[in-house]
C-alpha atoms as a PDB file:
ATOM      1  CA  UNK A   1      12.086   0.987   6.920  1.00  0.00           C
ATOM      2  CA  UNK A   2      10.197  -2.096   5.889  1.00  0.00           C
ATOM      3  CA  UNK A   3       9.321  -2.972   2.300  1.00  0.00           C
ATOM      4  CA  UNK A   4       5.949  -4.366   1.312  1.00  0.00           C
ATOM      5  CA  UNK A   5       5.808  -5.561  -2.286  1.00  0.00           C
ATOM      6  CA  UNK A   6       2.530  -5.050  -4.131  1.00  0.00           C
ATOM      7  CA  UNK A   7       1.990  -7.949  -6.536  1.00  0.00           C
ATOM      8  CA  UNK A   8      -1.173  -6.699  -8.261  1.00  0.00           C
ATOM      9  CA  UNK A   9       0.429  -6.504 -11.668  1.00  0.00           C
ATOM     10  CA  UNK A  10       1.564 -10.104 -11.621  1.00  0.00           C
ATOM     11  CA  UNK A  11      -2.169 -10.799 -11.613  1.00  0.00           C
ATOM     12  CA  UNK A  12      -2.694  -8.195 -14.360  1.00  0.00           C
ATOM     13  CA  UNK A  13      -0.362 -10.149 -16.632  1.00  0.00           C
ATOM     14  CA  UNK A  14      -1.989 -13.455 -15.709  1.00  0.00           C
ATOM     15  CA  UNK A  15      -5.457 -12.122 -16.400  1.00  0.00           C
ATOM     16  CA  UNK A  16      -4.451 -10.838 -19.833  1.00  0.00           C
ATOM     17  CA  UNK A  17      -4.711 -14.425 -21.065  1.00  0.00           C
ATOM     18  CA  UNK A  18      -7.327 -15.597 -18.599  1.00  0.00           C
ATOM     19  CA  UNK A  19      -5.146 -18.545 -17.639  1.00  0.00           C
ATOM     20  CA  UNK A  20      -2.830 -19.417 -14.747  1.00  0.00           C
ATOM     21  CA  UNK A  21       0.571 -17.892 -15.486  1.00  0.00           C
ATOM     22  CA  UNK A  22       2.343 -16.108 -13.959  1.00  0.00           C
ATOM     23  CA  UNK A  23       1.443 -17.419 -10.533  1.00  0.00           C
ATOM     24  CA  UNK A  24       0.662 -14.785  -7.923  1.00  0.00           C
ATOM     25  CA  UNK A  25       1.645 -17.199  -5.141  1.00  0.00           C
ATOM     26  CA  UNK A  26       4.979 -18.050  -6.748  1.00  0.00           C
ATOM     27  CA  UNK A  27       5.709 -14.349  -7.250  1.00  0.00           C
ATOM     28  CA  UNK A  28       4.917 -13.634  -3.605  1.00  0.00           C
ATOM     29  CA  UNK A  29       7.208 -16.451  -2.465  1.00  0.00           C
ATOM     30  CA  UNK A  30      10.065 -15.076  -4.563  1.00  0.00           C
ATOM     31  CA  UNK A  31       9.552 -11.620  -3.029  1.00  0.00           C
ATOM     32  CA  UNK A  32       9.601 -12.986   0.515  1.00  0.00           C
ATOM     33  CA  UNK A  33      12.624 -15.201  -0.169  1.00  0.00           C
ATOM     34  CA  UNK A  34      14.420 -12.128  -1.563  1.00  0.00           C
ATOM     35  CA  UNK A  35      13.859 -10.325   1.735  1.00  0.00           C
ATOM     36  CA  UNK A  36      10.600  -8.395   1.362  1.00  0.00           C
ATOM     37  CA  UNK A  37       8.905  -7.787   4.704  1.00  0.00           C
ATOM     38  CA  UNK A  38       5.408  -8.458   3.436  1.00  0.00           C
ATOM     39  CA  UNK A  39       3.056  -8.741   0.485  1.00  0.00           C
ATOM     40  CA  UNK A  40       0.421  -6.184  -0.476  1.00  0.00           C
ATOM     41  CA  UNK A  41      -2.541  -6.977  -2.722  1.00  0.00           C
ATOM     42  CA  UNK A  42      -5.417  -4.712  -3.758  1.00  0.00           C
ATOM     43  CA  UNK A  43      -8.675  -6.606  -4.157  1.00  0.00           C
ATOM     44  CA  UNK A  44     -10.600  -4.152  -6.323  1.00  0.00           C
ATOM     45  CA  UNK A  45     -14.360  -4.208  -6.647  1.00  0.00           C
ATOM     46  CA  UNK A  46     -14.081  -4.984 -10.378  1.00  0.00           C
ATOM     47  CA  UNK A  47     -11.419  -7.695  -9.762  1.00  0.00           C
ATOM     48  CA  UNK A  48      -9.294  -6.266 -12.575  1.00  0.00           C
ATOM     49  CA  UNK A  49      -6.147  -7.963 -11.273  1.00  0.00           C
ATOM     50  CA  UNK A  50      -6.131  -9.620  -7.835  1.00  0.00           C
ATOM     51  CA  UNK A  51      -9.149 -11.894  -7.287  1.00  0.00           C
ATOM     52  CA  UNK A  52     -10.629 -13.508  -4.182  1.00  0.00           C
ATOM     53  CA  UNK A  53      -8.798 -16.785  -4.746  1.00  0.00           C
ATOM     54  CA  UNK A  54      -5.483 -14.923  -4.735  1.00  0.00           C
ATOM     55  CA  UNK A  55      -5.881 -13.304  -1.339  1.00  0.00           C
ATOM     56  CA  UNK A  56      -7.126 -16.465   0.349  1.00  0.00           C
ATOM     57  CA  UNK A  57      -4.263 -18.450  -1.200  1.00  0.00           C
ATOM     58  CA  UNK A  58      -1.767 -15.836  -0.014  1.00  0.00           C
ATOM     59  CA  UNK A  59      -3.198 -16.053   3.496  1.00  0.00           C
ATOM     60  CA  UNK A  60      -3.397 -19.841   3.649  1.00  0.00           C
ATOM     61  CA  UNK A  61      -0.353 -20.931   1.630  1.00  0.00           C
ATOM     62  CA  UNK A  62       2.187 -18.216   2.272  1.00  0.00           C
ATOM     63  CA  UNK A  63       3.316 -17.638   5.818  1.00  0.00           C
ATOM     64  CA  UNK A  64       4.152 -13.965   5.601  1.00  0.00           C
ATOM     65  CA  UNK A  65       2.652 -10.596   6.470  1.00  0.00           C
ATOM     66  CA  UNK A  66      -0.317  -9.888   4.183  1.00  0.00           C
ATOM     67  CA  UNK A  67      -1.596  -6.354   3.675  1.00  0.00           C
ATOM     68  CA  UNK A  68      -4.982  -6.175   1.943  1.00  0.00           C
ATOM     69  CA  UNK A  69      -5.771  -2.940   0.139  1.00  0.00           C
ATOM     70  CA  UNK A  70      -9.529  -2.478  -0.176  1.00  0.00           C
ATOM     71  CA  UNK A  71     -12.313   0.025  -0.667  1.00  0.00           C
ATOM     72  CA  UNK A  72     -14.622   0.981   2.198  1.00  0.00           C
ATOM     73  CA  UNK A  73     -17.492  -1.230   1.078  1.00  0.00           C
ATOM     74  CA  UNK A  74     -19.332  -3.849   3.087  1.00  0.00           C
ATOM     75  CA  UNK A  75     -18.512  -6.509   0.493  1.00  0.00           C
ATOM     76  CA  UNK A  76     -14.826  -5.865   1.144  1.00  0.00           C
ATOM     77  CA  UNK A  77     -15.342  -5.660   4.898  1.00  0.00           C
ATOM     78  CA  UNK A  78     -16.915  -9.120   4.902  1.00  0.00           C
ATOM     79  CA  UNK A  79     -14.059 -10.539   2.831  1.00  0.00           C
ATOM     80  CA  UNK A  80     -11.495  -8.984   5.185  1.00  0.00           C
ATOM     81  CA  UNK A  81     -13.253 -10.413   8.245  1.00  0.00           C
ATOM     82  CA  UNK A  82     -13.307 -13.864   6.635  1.00  0.00           C
ATOM     83  CA  UNK A  83      -9.706 -13.571   5.460  1.00  0.00           C
ATOM     84  CA  UNK A  84      -8.197 -11.919   8.553  1.00  0.00           C
ATOM     85  CA  UNK A  85      -5.117 -10.475   6.868  1.00  0.00           C
ATOM     86  CA  UNK A  86      -2.403  -9.021   9.073  1.00  0.00           C
ATOM     87  CA  UNK A  87      -3.233  -5.529   7.829  1.00  0.00           C
ATOM     88  CA  UNK A  88      -5.842  -3.685   5.792  1.00  0.00           C
ATOM     89  CA  UNK A  89      -5.284  -0.381   4.036  1.00  0.00           C
ATOM     90  CA  UNK A  90      -8.532   1.418   3.216  1.00  0.00           C
ATOM     91  CA  UNK A  91      -8.258   3.187  -0.128  1.00  0.00           C
ATOM     92  CA  UNK A  92     -10.605   5.240  -2.311  1.00  0.00           C
ATOM     93  CA  UNK A  93     -11.663   3.507  -5.481  1.00  0.00           C
ATOM     94  CA  UNK A  94     -13.245   4.574  -8.757  1.00  0.00           C
ATOM     95  CA  UNK A  95     -13.926   1.985 -11.424  1.00  0.00           C
ATOM     96  CA  UNK A  96     -12.828   4.265 -14.277  1.00  0.00           C
ATOM     97  CA  UNK A  97      -9.389   5.039 -12.814  1.00  0.00           C
ATOM     98  CA  UNK A  98      -6.262   3.298 -14.080  1.00  0.00           C
ATOM     99  CA  UNK A  99      -4.683   3.390 -10.630  1.00  0.00           C
ATOM    100  CA  UNK A 100      -5.566   5.013  -7.306  1.00  0.00           C
ATOM    101  CA  UNK A 101      -5.675   8.732  -8.042  1.00  0.00           C
ATOM    102  CA  UNK A 102      -5.732  10.232  -4.560  1.00  0.00           C
ATOM    103  CA  UNK A 103      -6.178   9.664  -0.888  1.00  0.00           C
ATOM    104  CA  UNK A 104      -9.254   8.767   1.092  1.00  0.00           C
ATOM    105  CA  UNK A 105     -11.305  11.805   2.164  1.00  0.00           C
ATOM    106  CA  UNK A 106     -11.528  11.002   5.858  1.00  0.00           C
ATOM    107  CA  UNK A 107     -12.234  14.589   6.912  1.00  0.00           C
ATOM    108  CA  UNK A 108     -15.542  14.661   5.020  1.00  0.00           C
ATOM    109  CA  UNK A 109     -16.745  11.251   6.242  1.00  0.00           C
ATOM    110  CA  UNK A 110     -15.249  10.637   9.706  1.00  0.00           C
ATOM    111  CA  UNK A 111     -18.168   8.776  11.267  1.00  0.00           C
ATOM    112  CA  UNK A 112     -18.711   6.597   8.213  1.00  0.00           C
ATOM    113  CA  UNK A 113     -15.034   5.612   8.168  1.00  0.00           C
ATOM    114  CA  UNK A 114     -14.990   5.103  11.946  1.00  0.00           C
ATOM    115  CA  UNK A 115     -17.934   2.707  11.824  1.00  0.00           C
ATOM    116  CA  UNK A 116     -16.443   0.879   8.865  1.00  0.00           C
ATOM    117  CA  UNK A 117     -13.058   0.207  10.463  1.00  0.00           C
ATOM    118  CA  UNK A 118     -14.284  -0.701  13.969  1.00  0.00           C
ATOM    119  CA  UNK A 119     -15.092  -4.375  13.158  1.00  0.00           C
ATOM    120  CA  UNK A 120     -11.719  -4.738  11.416  1.00  0.00           C
ATOM    121  CA  UNK A 121      -9.819  -3.376  14.404  1.00  0.00           C
ATOM    122  CA  UNK A 122     -11.897  -5.500  16.778  1.00  0.00           C
ATOM    123  CA  UNK A 123     -10.912  -8.568  14.718  1.00  0.00           C
ATOM    124  CA  UNK A 124      -7.242  -7.821  15.357  1.00  0.00           C
ATOM    125  CA  UNK A 125      -6.457  -6.471  11.892  1.00  0.00           C
ATOM    126  CA  UNK A 126      -3.961  -3.609  11.738  1.00  0.00           C
ATOM    127  CA  UNK A 127      -5.899  -0.898   9.894  1.00  0.00           C
ATOM    128  CA  UNK A 128      -4.430   2.014   7.969  1.00  0.00           C
ATOM    129  CA  UNK A 129      -6.055   4.758   5.923  1.00  0.00           C
ATOM    130  CA  UNK A 130      -4.523   5.772   2.595  1.00  0.00           C
ATOM    131  CA  UNK A 131      -4.595   9.572   2.658  1.00  0.00           C
ATOM    132  CA  UNK A 132      -3.029  12.571   0.974  1.00  0.00           C
ATOM    133  CA  UNK A 133      -0.336  14.418   2.963  1.00  0.00           C
ATOM    134  CA  UNK A 134      -2.825  17.007   4.174  1.00  0.00           C
ATOM    135  CA  UNK A 135      -3.167  18.307   7.745  1.00  0.00           C
ATOM    136  CA  UNK A 136      -6.951  18.004   7.787  1.00  0.00           C
ATOM    137  CA  UNK A 137      -6.830  14.374   6.643  1.00  0.00           C
ATOM    138  CA  UNK A 138      -4.120  13.434   9.141  1.00  0.00           C
ATOM    139  CA  UNK A 139      -6.051  15.057  11.978  1.00  0.00           C
ATOM    140  CA  UNK A 140      -9.281  13.336  10.931  1.00  0.00           C
ATOM    141  CA  UNK A 141      -7.529   9.962  10.855  1.00  0.00           C
ATOM    142  CA  UNK A 142      -6.265  10.548  14.375  1.00  0.00           C
ATOM    143  CA  UNK A 143      -9.720  11.623  15.582  1.00  0.00           C
ATOM    144  CA  UNK A 144     -11.367   8.372  14.510  1.00  0.00           C
ATOM    145  CA  UNK A 145      -8.791   6.239  16.289  1.00  0.00           C
ATOM    146  CA  UNK A 146      -7.000   4.483  13.432  1.00  0.00           C
ATOM    147  CA  UNK A 147      -3.475   3.319  14.439  1.00  0.00           C
ATOM    148  CA  UNK A 148      -1.788   3.787  11.043  1.00  0.00           C
ATOM    149  CA  UNK A 149      -1.963   6.032   8.012  1.00  0.00           C
ATOM    150  CA  UNK A 150      -0.342   5.447   4.649  1.00  0.00           C
ATOM    151  CA  UNK A 151       0.639   8.671   2.911  1.00  0.00           C
ATOM    152  CA  UNK A 152      -0.076   8.891  -0.801  1.00  0.00           C
ATOM    153  CA  UNK A 153       3.294   9.677  -2.401  1.00  0.00           C
ATOM    154  CA  UNK A 154       1.876  10.047  -5.913  1.00  0.00           C
ATOM    155  CA  UNK A 155       2.159  13.843  -6.105  1.00  0.00           C
ATOM    156  CA  UNK A 156       5.796  13.712  -4.952  1.00  0.00           C
ATOM    157  CA  UNK A 157       6.564  10.904  -7.400  1.00  0.00           C
ATOM    158  CA  UNK A 158       5.077  12.834 -10.321  1.00  0.00           C
ATOM    159  CA  UNK A 159       6.954  15.975  -9.265  1.00  0.00           C
ATOM    160  CA  UNK A 160      10.321  14.247  -8.858  1.00  0.00           C
ATOM    161  CA  UNK A 161      12.982  16.052 -10.890  1.00  0.00           C
ATOM    162  CA  UNK A 162      10.661  19.000 -11.556  1.00  0.00           C
ATOM    163  CA  UNK A 163      10.425  22.467 -10.054  1.00  0.00           C
ATOM    164  CA  UNK A 164       7.727  21.477  -7.543  1.00  0.00           C
ATOM    165  CA  UNK A 165       9.520  18.411  -6.178  1.00  0.00           C
ATOM    166  CA  UNK A 166      10.579  20.048  -2.921  1.00  0.00           C
ATOM    167  CA  UNK A 167       7.122  21.522  -2.386  1.00  0.00           C
ATOM    168  CA  UNK A 168       5.464  18.120  -2.690  1.00  0.00           C
ATOM    169  CA  UNK A 169       8.143  16.447  -0.610  1.00  0.00           C
ATOM    170  CA  UNK A 170       7.710  19.027   2.156  1.00  0.00           C
ATOM    171  CA  UNK A 171       4.025  18.071   2.393  1.00  0.00           C
ATOM    172  CA  UNK A 172       5.030  14.467   3.116  1.00  0.00           C
ATOM    173  CA  UNK A 173       7.488  15.528   5.816  1.00  0.00           C
ATOM    174  CA  UNK A 174       5.003  17.877   7.469  1.00  0.00           C
ATOM    175  CA  UNK A 175       2.191  15.312   7.385  1.00  0.00           C
ATOM    176  CA  UNK A 176       4.465  12.677   8.922  1.00  0.00           C
ATOM    177  CA  UNK A 177       5.547  15.037  11.704  1.00  0.00           C
ATOM    178  CA  UNK A 178       1.939  15.893  12.526  1.00  0.00           C
ATOM    179  CA  UNK A 179       0.946  12.228  12.469  1.00  0.00           C
ATOM    180  CA  UNK A 180       3.669  11.350  14.947  1.00  0.00           C
ATOM    181  CA  UNK A 181       2.596  14.212  17.231  1.00  0.00           C
ATOM    182  CA  UNK A 182      -0.929  12.776  17.166  1.00  0.00           C
ATOM    183  CA  UNK A 183       0.304   9.256  17.961  1.00  0.00           C
ATOM    184  CA  UNK A 184      -0.139   7.758  14.499  1.00  0.00           C
ATOM    185  CA  UNK A 185       2.300   5.413  12.809  1.00  0.00           C
ATOM    186  CA  UNK A 186       3.071   6.204   9.191  1.00  0.00           C
ATOM    187  CA  UNK A 187       3.574   4.152   6.043  1.00  0.00           C
ATOM    188  CA  UNK A 188       3.908   5.549   2.531  1.00  0.00           C
ATOM    189  CA  UNK A 189       3.481   4.468  -1.058  1.00  0.00           C
ATOM    190  CA  UNK A 190       2.297   5.072  -4.617  1.00  0.00           C
ATOM    191  CA  UNK A 191       4.523   5.873  -7.554  1.00  0.00           C
ATOM    192  CA  UNK A 192       7.762   5.264  -5.672  1.00  0.00           C
ATOM    193  CA  UNK A 193      10.520   3.846  -7.868  1.00  0.00           C
ATOM    194  CA  UNK A 194      14.243   3.179  -8.030  1.00  0.00           C
ATOM    195  CA  UNK A 195      15.026   6.830  -8.796  1.00  0.00           C
ATOM    196  CA  UNK A 196      12.881   8.664  -6.266  1.00  0.00           C
ATOM    197  CA  UNK A 197      12.630   6.333  -3.262  1.00  0.00           C
ATOM    198  CA  UNK A 198      15.902   7.529  -1.684  1.00  0.00           C
ATOM    199  CA  UNK A 199      14.283  10.725  -0.417  1.00  0.00           C
ATOM    200  CA  UNK A 200      12.049   8.717   1.894  1.00  0.00           C
ATOM    201  CA  UNK A 201      15.081   8.494   4.188  1.00  0.00           C
ATOM    202  CA  UNK A 202      14.740  12.231   4.789  1.00  0.00           C
ATOM    203  CA  UNK A 203      11.391  11.585   6.502  1.00  0.00           C
ATOM    204  CA  UNK A 204      11.992  10.399  10.051  1.00  0.00           C
ATOM    205  CA  UNK A 205       9.910   7.588  11.426  1.00  0.00           C
ATOM    206  CA  UNK A 206       8.379   6.035   8.321  1.00  0.00           C
ATOM    207  CA  UNK A 207       7.494   2.423   9.121  1.00  0.00           C
ATOM    208  CA  UNK A 208       6.940   0.824   5.735  1.00  0.00           C
ATOM    209  CA  UNK A 209       6.979   1.604   2.023  1.00  0.00           C
ATOM    210  CA  UNK A 210       4.562  -0.256  -0.224  1.00  0.00           C
ATOM    211  CA  UNK A 211       5.894  -0.473  -3.765  1.00  0.00           C
ATOM    212  CA  UNK A 212       4.591  -2.546  -6.643  1.00  0.00           C
ATOM    213  CA  UNK A 213       4.532  -1.298 -10.215  1.00  0.00           C
ATOM    214  CA  UNK A 214       8.191  -0.262 -10.328  1.00  0.00           C
ATOM    215  CA  UNK A 215       9.409  -3.571  -8.888  1.00  0.00           C
ATOM    216  CA  UNK A 216       7.272  -5.694 -11.211  1.00  0.00           C
ATOM    217  CA  UNK A 217       8.371  -3.568 -14.186  1.00  0.00           C
ATOM    218  CA  UNK A 218      12.045  -3.946 -13.241  1.00  0.00           C
ATOM    219  CA  UNK A 219      11.609  -7.697 -12.831  1.00  0.00           C
ATOM    220  CA  UNK A 220      10.960  -8.093 -16.559  1.00  0.00           C
ATOM    221  CA  UNK A 221      14.591  -7.184 -17.206  1.00  0.00           C
ATOM    222  CA  UNK A 222      16.472  -8.527 -14.171  1.00  0.00           C
ATOM    223  CA  UNK A 223      14.167 -11.113 -12.572  1.00  0.00           C
ATOM    224  CA  UNK A 224      11.826 -10.634  -9.643  1.00  0.00           C
ATOM    225  CA  UNK A 225      14.262 -11.661  -6.919  1.00  0.00           C
ATOM    226  CA  UNK A 226      16.919  -9.197  -8.097  1.00  0.00           C
ATOM    227  CA  UNK A 227      14.333  -6.429  -8.555  1.00  0.00           C
ATOM    228  CA  UNK A 228      13.227  -6.869  -4.930  1.00  0.00           C
ATOM    229  CA  UNK A 229      16.817  -6.973  -3.661  1.00  0.00           C
ATOM    230  CA  UNK A 230      17.701  -3.804  -5.573  1.00  0.00           C
ATOM    231  CA  UNK A 231      14.741  -1.985  -4.032  1.00  0.00           C
ATOM    232  CA  UNK A 232      15.507  -3.351  -0.582  1.00  0.00           C
ATOM    233  CA  UNK A 233      19.045  -1.992  -0.863  1.00  0.00           C
ATOM    234  CA  UNK A 234      17.629   1.462  -1.589  1.00  0.00           C
ATOM    235  CA  UNK A 235      15.022   1.232   1.168  1.00  0.00           C
ATOM    236  CA  UNK A 236      17.663   0.026   3.635  1.00  0.00           C
ATOM    237  CA  UNK A 237      20.126   2.630   2.345  1.00  0.00           C
ATOM    238  CA  UNK A 238      22.830   0.109   1.456  1.00  0.00           C
END
């Protein structure tokens, strides 16, 4: 599996003082030098952490795979078409949420999502939809022609070590199996950490894990390069 490192919370810390440190670009370079396969950044509508300057600097100054997480708005579509990141992950977004609370409801809005992603795909951007591990959502994603989905692992992560862990994990396995049958490629992320990520190896055919908060939190104590290497060792099952 590949590891994409989400660096949003480097920007959160920077923005707390409204100044320039820590540098998002420097953090991304450290992650790539430590072996990360790409950088993920969520440009939220309220710009609470990552801002426009960050994503354009990542694209122009850092020669690595850039995955832009974004809401399905035409403001974000225009930015993505100007930026041309390697990948875009379309996520639901509510301004009052602390972090993304659930997956995109593709099944209820298939034509709207289809029309939204078409220009991105036509521009050569690898598009994925961030969805819950639900059969209806996986099927809807396949129906609109998206090449990738990213499964929301939040419910599994919250259940880890509790009585419903296996139930939530089974949903991820079943959704991945269905996605593969329908010709979709599958990524996963949200809430994964150093304790629970090992079970992702039980899911055959996952392409990439996108992990941010846990790595940035760990970096406070061991340094960012070591935090990335430790996660890579778990993702690569070393």
